[in-house]
Amino acid sequence: MLIGLMRPVETASFPVEGASLEEIQTRLEEHRPEGFDLVSSPVEMIKGAAVLKATGTFARRDQVTEIEADDLDALQAKVPEGWQLLSVRSV
């Protein structure tokens, strides 16, 4: 018997602007959907302006669920589209 952990694969991106990195982080946090973590936020300086731009990408990190199957092929067949298998253990 195998037990697998899976979670949804879902991302959301939001562009923000701010005068400092702290302001960028604050604005990104305001956009963070519940259950999502910030995974990327490259910042660019705008030439001739005192403004920073960033696009924050958030990925869902909640809803971890266990599934069971007799073998790896059957376990992978149980993973629905839009989800990813994180780990597998034998019991």
N, C-alpha and C. Protein backbone atom coordinates (compact mmCIF):
# COMPACT_ATOMS: atom_id res chain seq x y z
N MET A 1 0.85 -1.17 0.00
CA MET A 1 0.00 0.00 0.00
C MET A 1 0.89 1.23 0.00
N LEU A 2 0.54 2.21 -0.83
CA LEU A 2 1.26 3.48 -0.89
C LEU A 2 0.33 4.62 -0.47
N ILE A 3 0.89 5.58 0.22
CA ILE A 3 0.16 6.79 0.60
C ILE A 3 0.90 7.97 -0.02
N GLY A 4 0.16 8.81 -0.72
CA GLY A 4 0.75 9.99 -1.36
C GLY A 4 0.16 11.26 -0.79
N LEU A 5 0.96 12.29 -0.74
CA LEU A 5 0.49 13.63 -0.39
C LEU A 5 0.41 14.45 -1.65
N MET A 6 -0.69 15.14 -1.84
CA MET A 6 -0.85 15.99 -3.02
C MET A 6 -1.42 17.33 -2.60
N ARG A 7 -1.23 18.33 -3.46
CA ARG A 7 -1.80 19.66 -3.23
C ARG A 7 -2.13 20.28 -4.59
N PRO A 8 -3.02 21.27 -4.59
CA PRO A 8 -3.36 21.91 -5.85
C PRO A 8 -2.21 22.76 -6.38
N VAL A 9 -2.11 22.83 -7.69
CA VAL A 9 -1.14 23.70 -8.36
C VAL A 9 -1.93 24.89 -8.88
N GLU A 10 -1.78 26.00 -8.22
CA GLU A 10 -2.53 27.20 -8.62
C GLU A 10 -1.67 28.40 -8.30
N THR A 11 -1.59 29.34 -9.23
CA THR A 11 -0.83 30.56 -9.00
C THR A 11 -1.68 31.77 -9.35
N ALA A 12 -1.29 32.89 -8.78
CA ALA A 12 -1.93 34.17 -9.08
C ALA A 12 -0.84 35.23 -9.07
N SER A 13 -0.90 36.18 -10.00
CA SER A 13 0.10 37.24 -10.08
C SER A 13 -0.57 38.61 -10.03
N PHE A 14 0.12 39.54 -9.35
CA PHE A 14 -0.41 40.89 -9.19
C PHE A 14 0.71 41.91 -9.38
N PRO A 15 0.55 42.88 -10.27
CA PRO A 15 1.54 43.95 -10.40
C PRO A 15 1.31 45.01 -9.32
N VAL A 16 2.40 45.53 -8.75
CA VAL A 16 2.31 46.60 -7.75
C VAL A 16 3.40 47.62 -8.02
N GLU A 17 3.22 48.81 -7.46
CA GLU A 17 4.23 49.87 -7.53
C GLU A 17 4.42 50.43 -6.14
N GLY A 18 5.63 50.94 -5.88
CA GLY A 18 5.90 51.55 -4.59
C GLY A 18 7.18 52.35 -4.63
N ALA A 19 7.39 53.16 -3.61
CA ALA A 19 8.57 54.02 -3.53
C ALA A 19 9.74 53.31 -2.87
N SER A 20 9.49 52.16 -2.19
CA SER A 20 10.56 51.43 -1.52
C SER A 20 10.25 49.93 -1.56
N LEU A 21 11.25 49.13 -1.23
CA LEU A 21 11.03 47.69 -1.17
C LEU A 21 10.03 47.33 -0.08
N GLU A 22 10.06 48.06 1.03
CA GLU A 22 9.11 47.81 2.10
C GLU A 22 7.67 48.06 1.63
N GLU A 23 7.49 49.13 0.87
CA GLU A 23 6.16 49.44 0.34
C GLU A 23 5.71 48.37 -0.65
N ILE A 24 6.64 47.90 -1.47
CA ILE A 24 6.32 46.81 -2.42
C ILE A 24 5.85 45.58 -1.63
N GLN A 25 6.58 45.21 -0.59
CA GLN A 25 6.21 44.03 0.20
C GLN A 25 4.84 44.21 0.86
N THR A 26 4.58 45.41 1.37
CA THR A 26 3.28 45.69 2.00
C THR A 26 2.16 45.55 0.99
N ARG A 27 2.34 46.11 -0.19
CA ARG A 27 1.30 46.03 -1.23
C ARG A 27 1.09 44.61 -1.72
N LEU A 28 2.19 43.86 -1.83
CA LEU A 28 2.05 42.46 -2.24
C LEU A 28 1.26 41.67 -1.19
N GLU A 29 1.55 41.93 0.07
CA GLU A 29 0.83 41.22 1.15
C GLU A 29 -0.66 41.54 1.10
N GLU A 30 -1.02 42.75 0.71
CA GLU A 30 -2.43 43.12 0.59
C GLU A 30 -3.14 42.31 -0.50
N HIS A 31 -2.39 41.85 -1.51
CA HIS A 31 -2.96 41.09 -2.62
C HIS A 31 -2.92 39.58 -2.40
N ARG A 32 -2.22 39.13 -1.36
CA ARG A 32 -2.02 37.68 -1.16
C ARG A 32 -3.35 36.99 -0.86
N PRO A 33 -3.76 36.07 -1.73
CA PRO A 33 -4.98 35.31 -1.46
C PRO A 33 -4.75 34.35 -0.28
N GLU A 34 -5.80 34.05 0.43
CA GLU A 34 -5.68 33.12 1.56
C GLU A 34 -5.25 31.75 1.06
N GLY A 35 -4.29 31.14 1.77
CA GLY A 35 -3.77 29.83 1.39
C GLY A 35 -2.64 29.89 0.39
N PHE A 36 -2.25 31.10 -0.03
CA PHE A 36 -1.18 31.27 -1.01
C PHE A 36 0.06 31.85 -0.32
N ASP A 37 1.23 31.51 -0.85
CA ASP A 37 2.50 32.09 -0.39
C ASP A 37 3.15 32.82 -1.55
N LEU A 38 3.87 33.89 -1.24
CA LEU A 38 4.61 34.62 -2.26
C LEU A 38 5.82 33.80 -2.66
N VAL A 39 5.95 33.47 -3.95
CA VAL A 39 7.05 32.64 -4.42
C VAL A 39 8.02 33.41 -5.31
N SER A 40 7.60 34.57 -5.81
CA SER A 40 8.47 35.36 -6.68
C SER A 40 7.97 36.80 -6.71
N SER A 41 8.93 37.75 -6.67
CA SER A 41 8.53 39.16 -6.78
C SER A 41 9.69 40.01 -7.30
N PRO A 42 10.09 39.77 -8.55
CA PRO A 42 11.18 40.58 -9.10
C PRO A 42 10.79 42.05 -9.16
N VAL A 43 11.74 42.89 -8.79
CA VAL A 43 11.50 44.33 -8.73
C VAL A 43 12.32 45.01 -9.81
N GLU A 44 11.73 46.01 -10.47
CA GLU A 44 12.46 46.79 -11.46
C GLU A 44 12.32 48.27 -11.15
N MET A 45 13.39 48.99 -11.41
CA MET A 45 13.37 50.43 -11.22
C MET A 45 12.95 51.08 -12.53
N ILE A 46 12.12 52.09 -12.43
CA ILE A 46 11.66 52.81 -13.61
C ILE A 46 12.63 53.95 -13.87
N LYS A 47 13.19 53.97 -15.05
CA LYS A 47 14.18 54.99 -15.41
C LYS A 47 13.58 56.39 -15.31
N GLY A 48 14.26 57.24 -14.58
CA GLY A 48 13.83 58.62 -14.45
C GLY A 48 12.68 58.84 -13.47
N ALA A 49 12.31 57.82 -12.73
CA ALA A 49 11.20 57.95 -11.78
C ALA A 49 11.63 57.36 -10.43
N ALA A 50 11.01 57.83 -9.39
CA ALA A 50 11.30 57.32 -8.05
C ALA A 50 10.31 56.23 -7.66
N VAL A 51 9.98 55.39 -8.63
CA VAL A 51 8.99 54.34 -8.41
C VAL A 51 9.61 52.99 -8.74
N LEU A 52 9.30 52.02 -7.92
CA LEU A 52 9.69 50.63 -8.19
C LEU A 52 8.44 49.88 -8.63
N LYS A 53 8.62 48.94 -9.56
CA LYS A 53 7.52 48.09 -10.01
C LYS A 53 7.90 46.65 -9.72
N ALA A 54 6.90 45.86 -9.36
CA ALA A 54 7.12 44.44 -9.12
C ALA A 54 5.87 43.68 -9.53
N THR A 55 6.07 42.44 -9.90
CA THR A 55 4.95 41.54 -10.12
C THR A 55 5.13 40.39 -9.15
N GLY A 56 4.21 40.30 -8.21
CA GLY A 56 4.27 39.23 -7.22
C GLY A 56 3.52 38.02 -7.72
N THR A 57 4.16 36.87 -7.63
CA THR A 57 3.52 35.62 -8.00
C THR A 57 3.30 34.80 -6.73
N PHE A 58 2.07 34.41 -6.52
CA PHE A 58 1.68 33.64 -5.35
C PHE A 58 1.29 32.24 -5.79
N ALA A 59 1.65 31.25 -4.99
CA ALA A 59 1.27 29.86 -5.28
C ALA A 59 0.51 29.29 -4.10
N ARG A 60 -0.49 28.51 -4.41
CA ARG A 60 -1.29 27.88 -3.36
C ARG A 60 -0.43 26.85 -2.63
N ARG A 61 -0.45 26.90 -1.30
CA ARG A 61 0.34 25.97 -0.50
C ARG A 61 -0.48 25.27 0.56
N ASP A 62 -1.80 25.41 0.50
CA ASP A 62 -2.64 24.74 1.47
C ASP A 62 -3.34 23.55 0.81
N GLN A 63 -4.28 22.98 1.47
CA GLN A 63 -5.10 21.87 0.97
C GLN A 63 -4.29 20.61 0.67
N VAL A 64 -3.26 20.33 1.47
CA VAL A 64 -2.52 19.08 1.29
C VAL A 64 -3.44 17.93 1.67
N THR A 65 -3.52 16.95 0.79
CA THR A 65 -4.46 15.84 0.94
C THR A 65 -3.73 14.51 0.75
N GLU A 66 -4.13 13.50 1.52
CA GLU A 66 -3.56 12.16 1.36
C GLU A 66 -4.44 11.32 0.43
N ILE A 67 -3.77 10.51 -0.38
CA ILE A 67 -4.47 9.53 -1.20
C ILE A 67 -3.75 8.19 -1.03
N GLU A 68 -4.47 7.10 -1.26
CA GLU A 68 -3.91 5.75 -1.10
C GLU A 68 -4.14 4.93 -2.35
N ALA A 69 -3.19 4.02 -2.62
CA ALA A 69 -3.33 3.10 -3.74
C ALA A 69 -2.38 1.93 -3.52
N ASP A 70 -2.59 0.87 -4.29
CA ASP A 70 -1.75 -0.32 -4.14
C ASP A 70 -0.39 -0.19 -4.82
N ASP A 71 -0.31 0.59 -5.91
CA ASP A 71 0.96 0.77 -6.59
C ASP A 71 1.08 2.21 -7.10
N LEU A 72 2.27 2.55 -7.60
CA LEU A 72 2.55 3.93 -8.00
C LEU A 72 1.69 4.38 -9.18
N ASP A 73 1.46 3.48 -10.14
CA ASP A 73 0.62 3.86 -11.29
C ASP A 73 -0.80 4.19 -10.84
N ALA A 74 -1.34 3.39 -9.94
CA ALA A 74 -2.70 3.63 -9.44
C ALA A 74 -2.74 4.92 -8.62
N LEU A 75 -1.66 5.18 -7.86
CA LEU A 75 -1.60 6.40 -7.06
C LEU A 75 -1.58 7.63 -7.98
N GLN A 76 -0.74 7.60 -9.01
CA GLN A 76 -0.66 8.72 -9.95
C GLN A 76 -1.96 8.92 -10.70
N ALA A 77 -2.69 7.85 -10.95
CA ALA A 77 -3.97 7.95 -11.65
C ALA A 77 -5.02 8.66 -10.78
N LYS A 78 -4.82 8.65 -9.47
CA LYS A 78 -5.77 9.30 -8.56
C LYS A 78 -5.52 10.80 -8.40
N VAL A 79 -4.40 11.29 -8.91
CA VAL A 79 -4.07 12.71 -8.80
C VAL A 79 -4.86 13.48 -9.85
N PRO A 80 -5.81 14.31 -9.45
CA PRO A 80 -6.62 15.03 -10.43
C PRO A 80 -5.81 16.10 -11.17
N GLU A 81 -6.31 16.51 -12.32
CA GLU A 81 -5.66 17.58 -13.07
C GLU A 81 -5.68 18.85 -12.22
N GLY A 82 -4.58 19.57 -12.25
CA GLY A 82 -4.47 20.78 -11.44
C GLY A 82 -3.90 20.51 -10.05
N TRP A 83 -3.48 19.28 -9.78
CA TRP A 83 -2.88 18.91 -8.51
C TRP A 83 -1.52 18.29 -8.78
N GLN A 84 -0.65 18.29 -7.78
CA GLN A 84 0.65 17.66 -7.92
C GLN A 84 0.91 16.73 -6.75
N LEU A 85 1.58 15.62 -7.05
CA LEU A 85 1.96 14.65 -6.05
C LEU A 85 3.24 15.14 -5.39
N LEU A 86 3.23 15.33 -4.07
CA LEU A 86 4.38 15.87 -3.36
C LEU A 86 5.32 14.78 -2.85
N SER A 87 4.74 13.73 -2.31
CA SER A 87 5.57 12.65 -1.75
C SER A 87 4.77 11.36 -1.73
N VAL A 88 5.53 10.25 -1.64
CA VAL A 88 4.91 8.93 -1.59
C VAL A 88 5.65 8.13 -0.52
N ARG A 89 4.87 7.43 0.30
CA ARG A 89 5.48 6.55 1.29
C ARG A 89 4.77 5.21 1.28
N SER A 90 5.50 4.20 1.67
CA SER A 90 4.97 2.85 1.71
C SER A 90 4.52 2.52 3.13
N VAL A 91 3.39 1.82 3.24
CA VAL A 91 2.91 1.38 4.58
C VAL A 91 2.70 -0.10 4.62
